[in-house]
Amino acid sequence: MIFSCDICQKTNISPILDLGQQPLANKYPTSSTPETEDKFSLTVLFCDNCKNVQLNTKISRERMFEDYYYLSSVNQGLVKHFENFAKELLGSRFVVDIGSNDGIFLKPLREQGTPYLGVEPSLNVSKIANDNGLETLCSFFDRETANNIVSTRGKADVIVASSVFTHLEDPHNFVEAVKDLLSENGRFIIEVEYIKNIVSTLQFERFYLDRIFYYSLSSLENLFKGHNMKLTKASIIEPHGGSLRVEICHSDSSAKQDHSIESLLKEEESFLNPEAFKNFSKNVSNEIKNLQRALEKFKASGIKIAGYGAPARLSTICNYGHIGPDLIKYTIDDSPLKVNRFTPGTHIPIVARDQLEQDTPDILLVFAYEYIDDIRTKTSNRFKYFKPIPFQEI
């Protein structure tokens, strides 16, 4: 099959990793044997022309986000991240947060007196934010939405899209909507999972059907250049296993590009090539086999294993590795929206943390491993904790 790049339109871009058939990673069935649970081909593709990484399969955003089960504010590490981020925007005239979820960023903006508006497409999640007094427009962000905001609130001097830009079905239309809403010298700030960190740390589990694109600074530069926008600043931040924060503005803005752009673009040359991705694919295959063997060995030895966390990336790991409740009895999650449901595809029961008192495991396989310090505190540091990929004690 011939695939085309959605950023530069080049045809015949290269497959770099085949993760088989995968379910929708943020849809958690209520039964261990659901009558219908669709699975789709999940192959990761690389465009050597514009350095874009994307998936072969697109699921409509309406289906993906109409009913959503990820609540940002459950994660205390993210809460602190957005509290600090809000402080950096003190003094802004009007901040629009696209994909605002349950209001995790809106809350500190409101508390410090920064005028704001959230835009969130999920009905259930936007209701949680509005019920908490955090003004949120329930809508996908497009040019119509942007122009409605301009007519009622004026243009924004800061637009934020954190862990949103990778989800977009059509980034070109999204960028044009941002341009409609952004003031003349305004800043568009995006935070995206960084393909460099995914490759260097073998975080293949971050590929799932919610996220179509996996950006490098190079691919972002190519995308925005085509829309008369320029990158002015870039930095690496902690969330989601290492993310890229980039500031973008109109091409005719007075903002200048700082040295961080040139420096990161230079660094990317070493891994944005077919050979690096070939090695990545080989290492991923080896690591999933290591995880399978370790879990089977524990089971044979009578060692009880439970998971901690039911993030979307659990779905990628467990479906690719054919790991189900025979190897992981249950997984803990702190989101009330996920408890008493099952993991997509492999149907591991998702339970509340008090299950650890009733059925104590020997090992916790931590799927939300970047928040291990918080998880140790919540579980009184009384277990052995392992990271799934690469499989190792943490």
Protein backbone atom coordinates (compact mmCIF):
# COMPACT_ATOMS: atom_id res chain seq x y z
CA MET A 1 0.00 0.00 0.00
CA ILE A 2 1.24 3.52 -0.83
CA PHE A 3 0.92 6.16 1.90
CA SER A 4 1.08 9.94 1.54
CA CYS A 5 2.39 12.52 3.99
CA ASP A 6 -0.35 14.80 5.33
CA ILE A 7 2.10 17.62 5.99
CA CYS A 8 3.96 18.00 2.65
CA GLN A 9 1.79 15.69 0.47
CA LYS A 10 4.74 13.54 -0.61
CA THR A 11 3.63 10.05 -1.71
CA ASN A 12 5.16 6.69 -0.87
CA ILE A 13 6.39 7.52 2.63
CA SER A 14 8.07 4.72 4.58
CA PRO A 15 6.59 2.36 7.22
CA ILE A 16 8.91 2.26 10.24
CA LEU A 17 6.94 0.23 12.82
CA ASP A 18 3.98 -2.14 12.50
CA LEU A 19 2.02 -2.50 15.77
CA GLY A 20 -0.63 -4.80 14.32
CA GLN A 21 -4.34 -4.41 15.01
CA GLN A 22 -5.14 -1.99 17.82
CA PRO A 23 -8.40 -0.86 19.49
CA LEU A 24 -9.22 2.75 20.33
CA ALA A 25 -6.91 3.29 23.29
CA ASN A 26 -9.11 5.74 25.20
CA LYS A 27 -12.35 3.79 24.90
CA TYR A 28 -12.76 1.55 27.95
CA PRO A 29 -15.41 -1.17 27.59
CA THR A 30 -17.80 -1.90 30.44
CA SER A 31 -17.70 -5.64 29.76
CA SER A 32 -14.80 -8.07 29.52
CA THR A 33 -16.45 -9.52 26.42
CA PRO A 34 -17.93 -6.55 24.55
CA GLU A 35 -20.06 -7.44 21.56
CA THR A 36 -18.31 -4.90 19.35
CA GLU A 37 -14.86 -3.49 19.86
CA ASP A 38 -13.30 -2.38 16.61
CA LYS A 39 -9.61 -2.79 15.90
CA PHE A 40 -7.61 -0.98 13.26
CA SER A 41 -4.25 -1.31 11.56
CA LEU A 42 -1.59 0.74 13.38
CA THR A 43 1.55 1.35 11.34
CA VAL A 44 3.93 4.23 11.99
CA LEU A 45 5.16 6.09 8.88
CA PHE A 46 8.09 8.45 8.26
CA CYS A 47 8.40 11.15 5.60
CA ASP A 48 12.06 11.78 4.81
CA ASN A 49 11.09 14.93 2.93
CA CYS A 50 9.56 17.03 5.74
CA LYS A 51 10.55 14.75 8.68
CA ASN A 52 6.93 14.08 9.62
CA VAL A 53 5.95 10.92 11.55
CA GLN A 54 2.30 9.89 11.32
CA LEU A 55 0.00 6.88 11.50
CA ASN A 56 -1.48 5.03 8.56
CA THR A 57 -5.03 5.03 10.00
CA LYS A 58 -7.23 7.99 10.87
CA ILE A 59 -10.31 7.70 13.06
CA SER A 60 -12.76 10.59 13.00
CA ARG A 61 -12.18 13.04 15.82
CA GLU A 62 -15.93 13.03 16.56
CA ARG A 63 -15.81 9.33 17.34
CA MET A 64 -12.60 9.67 19.30
CA PHE A 65 -13.51 12.57 21.56
CA GLU A 66 -17.28 12.76 21.91
CA ASP A 67 -17.09 10.54 24.99
CA TYR A 68 -13.65 10.65 26.61
CA TYR A 69 -12.13 9.05 29.69
CA TYR A 70 -8.91 10.95 30.29
CA LEU A 71 -8.97 13.53 33.07
CA SER A 72 -5.80 15.63 33.28
CA SER A 73 -6.34 16.83 36.86
CA VAL A 74 -6.08 13.29 38.25
CA ASN A 75 -2.35 13.54 37.58
CA GLN A 76 -0.65 15.65 40.24
CA GLY A 77 2.51 15.98 38.16
CA LEU A 78 0.49 17.63 35.39
CA VAL A 79 -1.32 19.85 37.89
CA LYS A 80 2.03 21.25 39.05
CA HIS A 81 3.21 21.62 35.45
CA PHE A 82 0.23 23.79 34.52
CA GLU A 83 0.40 25.81 37.72
CA ASN A 84 3.96 26.76 36.79
CA PHE A 85 3.02 27.36 33.14
CA ALA A 86 0.21 29.72 34.18
CA LYS A 87 2.68 31.85 36.12
CA GLU A 88 4.70 32.35 32.92
CA LEU A 89 1.59 33.88 31.30
CA LEU A 90 0.83 36.33 34.10
CA GLY A 91 -0.08 39.66 32.55
CA SER A 92 -1.54 38.19 29.35
CA ARG A 93 -4.63 39.98 28.06
CA PHE A 94 -6.58 36.87 26.96
CA VAL A 95 -5.49 33.22 26.93
CA VAL A 96 -7.36 30.53 24.98
CA ASP A 97 -6.58 26.94 25.94
CA ILE A 98 -7.52 24.52 23.14
CA GLY A 99 -8.23 20.99 24.32
CA SER A 100 -8.65 22.25 27.87
CA ASN A 101 -9.91 18.91 29.22
CA ASP A 102 -11.29 19.26 32.77
CA GLY A 103 -9.79 22.72 33.24
CA ILE A 104 -6.39 21.76 34.62
CA PHE A 105 -4.80 24.89 33.07
CA LEU A 106 -7.86 27.11 33.34
CA LYS A 107 -7.93 26.81 37.13
CA PRO A 108 -4.53 28.43 37.81
CA LEU A 109 -5.21 31.04 35.12
CA ARG A 110 -8.44 31.99 36.87
CA GLU A 111 -6.79 32.01 40.29
CA GLN A 112 -4.12 34.47 39.17
CA GLY A 113 -6.64 36.71 37.41
CA THR A 114 -5.64 36.00 33.80
CA PRO A 115 -8.62 36.27 31.40
CA TYR A 116 -9.13 32.87 29.76
CA LEU A 117 -11.40 30.57 27.78
CA GLY A 118 -11.19 26.81 27.39
CA VAL A 119 -12.20 24.96 24.22
CA GLU A 120 -12.90 21.25 24.73
CA PRO A 121 -14.76 18.88 22.34
CA SER A 122 -15.66 16.13 24.83
CA LEU A 123 -19.17 16.56 26.21
CA ASN A 124 -18.56 14.74 29.48
CA VAL A 125 -15.19 16.36 30.20
CA SER A 126 -16.18 19.93 29.31
CA LYS A 127 -19.20 19.54 31.62
CA ILE A 128 -16.86 18.72 34.51
CA ALA A 129 -14.92 21.95 33.85
CA ASN A 130 -18.02 24.12 33.54
CA ASP A 131 -19.55 22.55 36.65
CA ASN A 132 -16.42 23.68 38.48
CA GLY A 133 -16.87 27.24 37.26
CA LEU A 134 -14.12 27.06 34.62
CA GLU A 135 -15.48 28.69 31.47
CA THR A 136 -15.23 26.13 28.70
CA LEU A 137 -16.69 26.15 25.21
CA CYS A 138 -17.72 22.62 24.20
CA SER A 139 -16.56 22.51 20.59
CA PHE A 140 -13.92 21.30 18.23
CA PHE A 141 -11.54 24.13 17.36
CA ASP A 142 -11.97 25.24 13.76
CA ARG A 143 -12.24 28.51 11.86
CA GLU A 144 -15.91 28.95 12.74
CA THR A 145 -15.16 28.50 16.44
CA ALA A 146 -12.17 30.86 16.21
CA ASN A 147 -14.23 33.58 14.55
CA ASN A 148 -17.03 33.18 17.10
CA ILE A 149 -14.51 33.74 19.89
CA VAL A 150 -13.11 36.81 18.13
CA SER A 151 -16.60 38.30 17.75
CA THR A 152 -17.48 37.81 21.42
CA ARG A 153 -14.14 38.11 23.24
CA GLY A 154 -11.67 39.58 20.77
CA LYS A 155 -8.37 38.13 19.60
CA ALA A 156 -6.11 36.18 21.95
CA ASP A 157 -2.57 37.26 22.69
CA VAL A 158 -1.78 33.71 23.82
CA ILE A 159 -3.24 30.48 22.43
CA VAL A 160 -2.18 27.21 24.08
CA ALA A 161 -2.59 23.67 22.73
CA SER A 162 -1.03 21.24 25.17
CA SER A 163 -0.97 17.56 24.17
CA VAL A 164 -3.53 18.43 21.49
CA PHE A 165 -1.66 19.13 18.29
CA THR A 166 -0.75 15.46 17.76
CA HIS A 167 -4.45 14.52 17.81
CA LEU A 168 -5.48 16.67 14.88
CA GLU A 169 -7.06 15.09 11.84
CA ASP A 170 -6.19 18.12 9.70
CA PRO A 171 -3.38 20.28 11.15
CA HIS A 172 -3.50 22.65 8.16
CA ASN A 173 -7.07 23.78 8.87
CA PHE A 174 -6.29 23.99 12.58
CA VAL A 175 -3.33 26.33 11.95
CA GLU A 176 -5.50 28.59 9.80
CA ALA A 177 -8.05 28.77 12.65
CA VAL A 178 -5.24 29.70 15.06
CA LYS A 179 -4.19 32.51 12.71
CA ASP A 180 -7.76 33.85 12.72
CA LEU A 181 -7.79 34.01 16.53
CA LEU A 182 -4.22 35.09 17.27
CA SER A 183 -3.45 38.79 17.72
CA GLU A 184 -0.86 40.51 15.55
CA ASN A 185 2.07 39.91 17.92
CA GLY A 186 0.45 37.04 19.81
CA ARG A 187 2.01 33.70 20.72
CA PHE A 188 0.75 30.24 19.84
CA ILE A 189 2.31 27.77 22.30
CA ILE A 190 2.09 24.06 21.66
CA GLU A 191 3.27 21.14 23.79
CA VAL A 192 3.64 17.87 21.89
CA GLU A 193 5.10 14.49 22.67
CA TYR A 194 8.54 14.62 21.11
CA ILE A 195 9.45 11.97 18.55
CA LYS A 196 13.12 12.24 19.55
CA ASN A 197 12.35 11.08 23.10
CA ILE A 198 10.02 8.36 21.85
CA VAL A 199 12.81 6.95 19.65
CA SER A 200 15.70 7.38 22.09
CA THR A 201 13.85 5.77 25.03
CA LEU A 202 11.87 3.16 23.03
CA GLN A 203 8.53 4.61 24.10
CA PHE A 204 6.65 2.93 21.25
CA GLU A 205 3.58 2.74 23.51
CA ARG A 206 3.02 6.41 22.80
CA PHE A 207 1.81 5.46 19.32
CA TYR A 208 -1.96 4.94 19.45
CA LEU A 209 -4.92 5.87 17.30
CA ASP A 210 -5.87 9.01 19.25
CA ARG A 211 -2.66 10.64 18.08
CA ILE A 212 -2.11 10.82 14.34
CA PHE A 213 1.09 12.90 14.24
CA TYR A 214 4.37 12.67 16.17
CA TYR A 215 6.34 15.83 15.69
CA SER A 216 9.94 16.84 15.52
CA LEU A 217 10.95 20.49 15.48
CA SER A 218 11.88 19.96 11.84
CA SER A 219 8.40 18.79 10.86
CA LEU A 220 6.79 21.62 12.82
CA GLU A 221 8.99 24.15 11.05
CA ASN A 222 7.97 22.72 7.68
CA LEU A 223 4.29 22.79 8.63
CA PHE A 224 4.14 26.34 9.95
CA LYS A 225 6.35 27.81 7.23
CA GLY A 226 3.67 26.78 4.76
CA HIS A 227 1.16 28.92 6.68
CA ASN A 228 3.25 32.06 6.98
CA MET A 229 4.08 31.46 10.62
CA LYS A 230 7.48 31.20 12.26
CA LEU A 231 8.93 29.27 15.18
CA THR A 232 10.56 31.57 17.75
CA LYS A 233 11.45 29.40 20.75
CA ALA A 234 11.65 25.70 21.68
CA SER A 235 12.37 23.78 24.87
CA ILE A 236 12.14 20.26 26.26
CA ILE A 237 9.65 19.82 29.12
CA GLU A 238 8.90 16.86 31.40
CA PRO A 239 5.25 15.83 30.78
CA HIS A 240 4.36 12.69 28.83
CA GLY A 241 7.80 11.17 28.91
CA GLY A 242 9.52 14.25 27.53
CA SER A 243 7.67 16.76 25.39
CA LEU A 244 8.54 19.62 23.10
CA ARG A 245 7.20 23.10 23.84
CA VAL A 246 7.31 25.46 20.87
CA GLU A 247 6.30 29.10 20.54
CA ILE A 248 5.00 30.21 17.13
CA CYS A 249 3.82 33.56 15.81
CA HIS A 250 2.75 35.25 12.58
CA SER A 251 5.63 35.61 10.13
CA ASP A 252 5.36 39.41 10.25
CA SER A 253 5.35 39.50 14.06
CA SER A 254 8.06 41.54 15.77
CA ALA A 255 9.14 38.46 17.77
CA LYS A 256 12.64 37.18 17.02
CA GLN A 257 13.79 33.56 16.76
CA ASP A 258 16.13 32.61 19.59
CA HIS A 259 19.07 30.17 19.48
CA SER A 260 17.02 27.20 20.77
CA ILE A 261 15.47 26.63 17.34
CA GLU A 262 18.74 26.30 15.44
CA SER A 263 20.27 24.18 18.22
CA LEU A 264 17.44 21.62 18.31
CA LEU A 265 17.18 21.41 14.53
CA LYS A 266 20.86 20.51 14.42
CA GLU A 267 20.43 17.81 17.08
CA GLU A 268 17.59 16.20 15.16
CA GLU A 269 19.72 15.36 12.15
CA SER A 270 21.14 12.30 13.94
CA PHE A 271 17.83 10.46 14.41
CA LEU A 272 15.47 11.73 11.71
CA ASN A 273 16.59 9.20 9.12
CA PRO A 274 15.47 5.73 7.94
CA GLU A 275 18.43 3.89 9.54
CA ALA A 276 17.68 5.26 13.02
CA PHE A 277 14.05 4.22 12.71
CA LYS A 278 15.06 0.75 11.49
CA ASN A 279 17.09 0.26 14.67
CA PHE A 280 14.19 1.60 16.72
CA SER A 281 11.80 -0.97 15.24
CA LYS A 282 14.21 -3.83 15.93
CA ASN A 283 14.70 -2.74 19.55
CA VAL A 284 10.95 -2.40 20.11
CA SER A 285 10.41 -5.98 18.95
CA ASN A 286 13.08 -7.22 21.35
CA GLU A 287 11.70 -5.28 24.32
CA ILE A 288 8.12 -6.50 23.95
CA LYS A 289 9.45 -10.07 23.92
CA ASN A 290 11.44 -9.34 27.09
CA LEU A 291 8.25 -8.11 28.79
CA GLN A 292 6.25 -11.15 27.69
CA ARG A 293 8.92 -13.56 28.96
CA ALA A 294 9.27 -11.77 32.30
CA LEU A 295 5.52 -11.78 32.99
CA GLU A 296 5.21 -15.46 32.03
CA LYS A 297 8.14 -16.31 34.30
CA PHE A 298 6.57 -14.44 37.23
CA LYS A 299 3.28 -16.25 36.68
CA ALA A 300 5.00 -19.64 36.57
CA SER A 301 6.73 -18.81 39.86
CA GLY A 302 3.45 -17.85 41.57
CA ILE A 303 4.31 -14.15 41.73
CA LYS A 304 1.18 -11.98 41.62
CA ILE A 305 1.29 -9.02 39.22
CA ALA A 306 -1.00 -6.01 39.03
CA GLY A 307 -0.73 -2.86 36.97
CA TYR A 308 -0.80 0.75 38.04
CA GLY A 309 -2.39 3.17 35.64
CA ALA A 310 -4.64 2.61 32.64
CA PRO A 311 -3.33 5.28 30.28
CA ALA A 312 -3.83 4.93 26.54
CA ARG A 313 -0.29 3.62 26.13
CA LEU A 314 -1.19 0.52 28.19
CA SER A 315 -3.46 -0.43 25.31
CA THR A 316 -0.62 -0.27 22.78
CA ILE A 317 1.74 -2.35 24.93
CA CYS A 318 -0.77 -5.01 25.91
CA ASN A 319 -2.38 -5.44 22.50
CA TYR A 320 0.97 -5.56 20.71
CA GLY A 321 2.33 -7.97 23.32
CA HIS A 322 -0.89 -10.04 23.68
CA ILE A 323 -0.87 -9.38 27.43
CA GLY A 324 -4.19 -9.83 29.21
CA PRO A 325 -5.66 -10.68 32.64
CA ASP A 326 -3.95 -14.06 32.61
CA LEU A 327 -0.67 -12.21 33.17
CA ILE A 328 -1.85 -8.95 34.82
CA LYS A 329 -4.77 -9.64 37.14
CA TYR A 330 -5.97 -6.02 37.27
CA THR A 331 -4.68 -2.47 36.95
CA ILE A 332 -5.25 0.44 39.32
CA ASP A 333 -6.36 3.82 38.03
CA ASP A 334 -7.12 7.00 39.94
CA SER A 335 -9.63 8.31 37.40
CA PRO A 336 -13.23 7.58 38.48
CA LEU A 337 -14.21 7.52 34.79
CA LYS A 338 -12.10 4.40 34.18
CA VAL A 339 -12.74 2.39 37.36
CA ASN A 340 -14.99 -0.68 36.89
CA ARG A 341 -14.24 -0.77 33.18
CA PHE A 342 -11.72 -2.85 31.21
CA THR A 343 -8.62 -2.07 29.21
CA PRO A 344 -9.25 -1.82 25.45
CA GLY A 345 -8.72 -5.01 23.50
CA THR A 346 -7.10 -7.13 26.22
CA HIS A 347 -9.80 -6.55 28.87
CA ILE A 348 -7.74 -6.31 32.04
CA PRO A 349 -10.08 -5.13 34.85
CA ILE A 350 -9.54 -1.50 35.95
CA VAL A 351 -10.09 -1.04 39.68
CA ALA A 352 -9.71 1.60 42.37
CA ARG A 353 -6.62 1.80 44.56
CA ASP A 354 -8.31 0.20 47.57
CA GLN A 355 -8.17 -3.10 45.66
CA LEU A 356 -4.53 -3.29 46.78
CA GLU A 357 -5.72 -3.82 50.35
CA GLN A 358 -8.07 -6.66 49.42
CA ASP A 359 -5.89 -8.50 46.93
CA THR A 360 -2.27 -7.56 47.49
CA PRO A 361 0.08 -8.20 44.56
CA ASP A 362 3.82 -8.82 44.80
CA ILE A 363 4.69 -6.54 41.87
CA LEU A 364 3.17 -3.42 40.37
CA LEU A 365 3.81 -2.96 36.67
CA VAL A 366 3.66 0.83 36.41
CA PHE A 367 2.23 1.98 33.08
CA ALA A 368 2.18 5.62 34.23
CA TYR A 369 5.85 5.30 35.16
CA GLU A 370 6.83 8.95 34.73
CA TYR A 371 4.76 9.62 37.86
CA ILE A 372 6.41 6.87 39.90
CA ASP A 373 7.22 9.18 42.84
CA ASP A 374 3.56 10.08 43.24
CA ILE A 375 2.54 6.42 42.83
CA ARG A 376 5.05 5.29 45.49
CA THR A 377 3.55 7.82 47.89
CA LYS A 378 -0.01 6.72 47.14
CA THR A 379 0.90 3.06 47.70
CA SER A 380 3.14 3.65 50.75
CA ASN A 381 6.15 2.42 48.78
CA ARG A 382 5.43 -1.17 49.84
CA PHE A 383 5.69 -3.03 46.53
CA LYS A 384 8.28 -3.85 43.91
CA TYR A 385 7.69 -1.47 41.00
CA PHE A 386 8.60 -2.25 37.41
CA LYS A 387 8.55 -0.21 34.23
CA PRO A 388 7.15 -2.16 31.25
CA ILE A 389 9.39 -0.88 28.42
CA PRO A 390 12.29 -1.43 28.80
CA PHE A 391 11.29 -3.94 31.47
CA GLN A 392 13.17 -3.03 34.62
CA GLU A 393 12.68 -2.36 38.29
CA ILE A 394 12.26 1.31 39.16
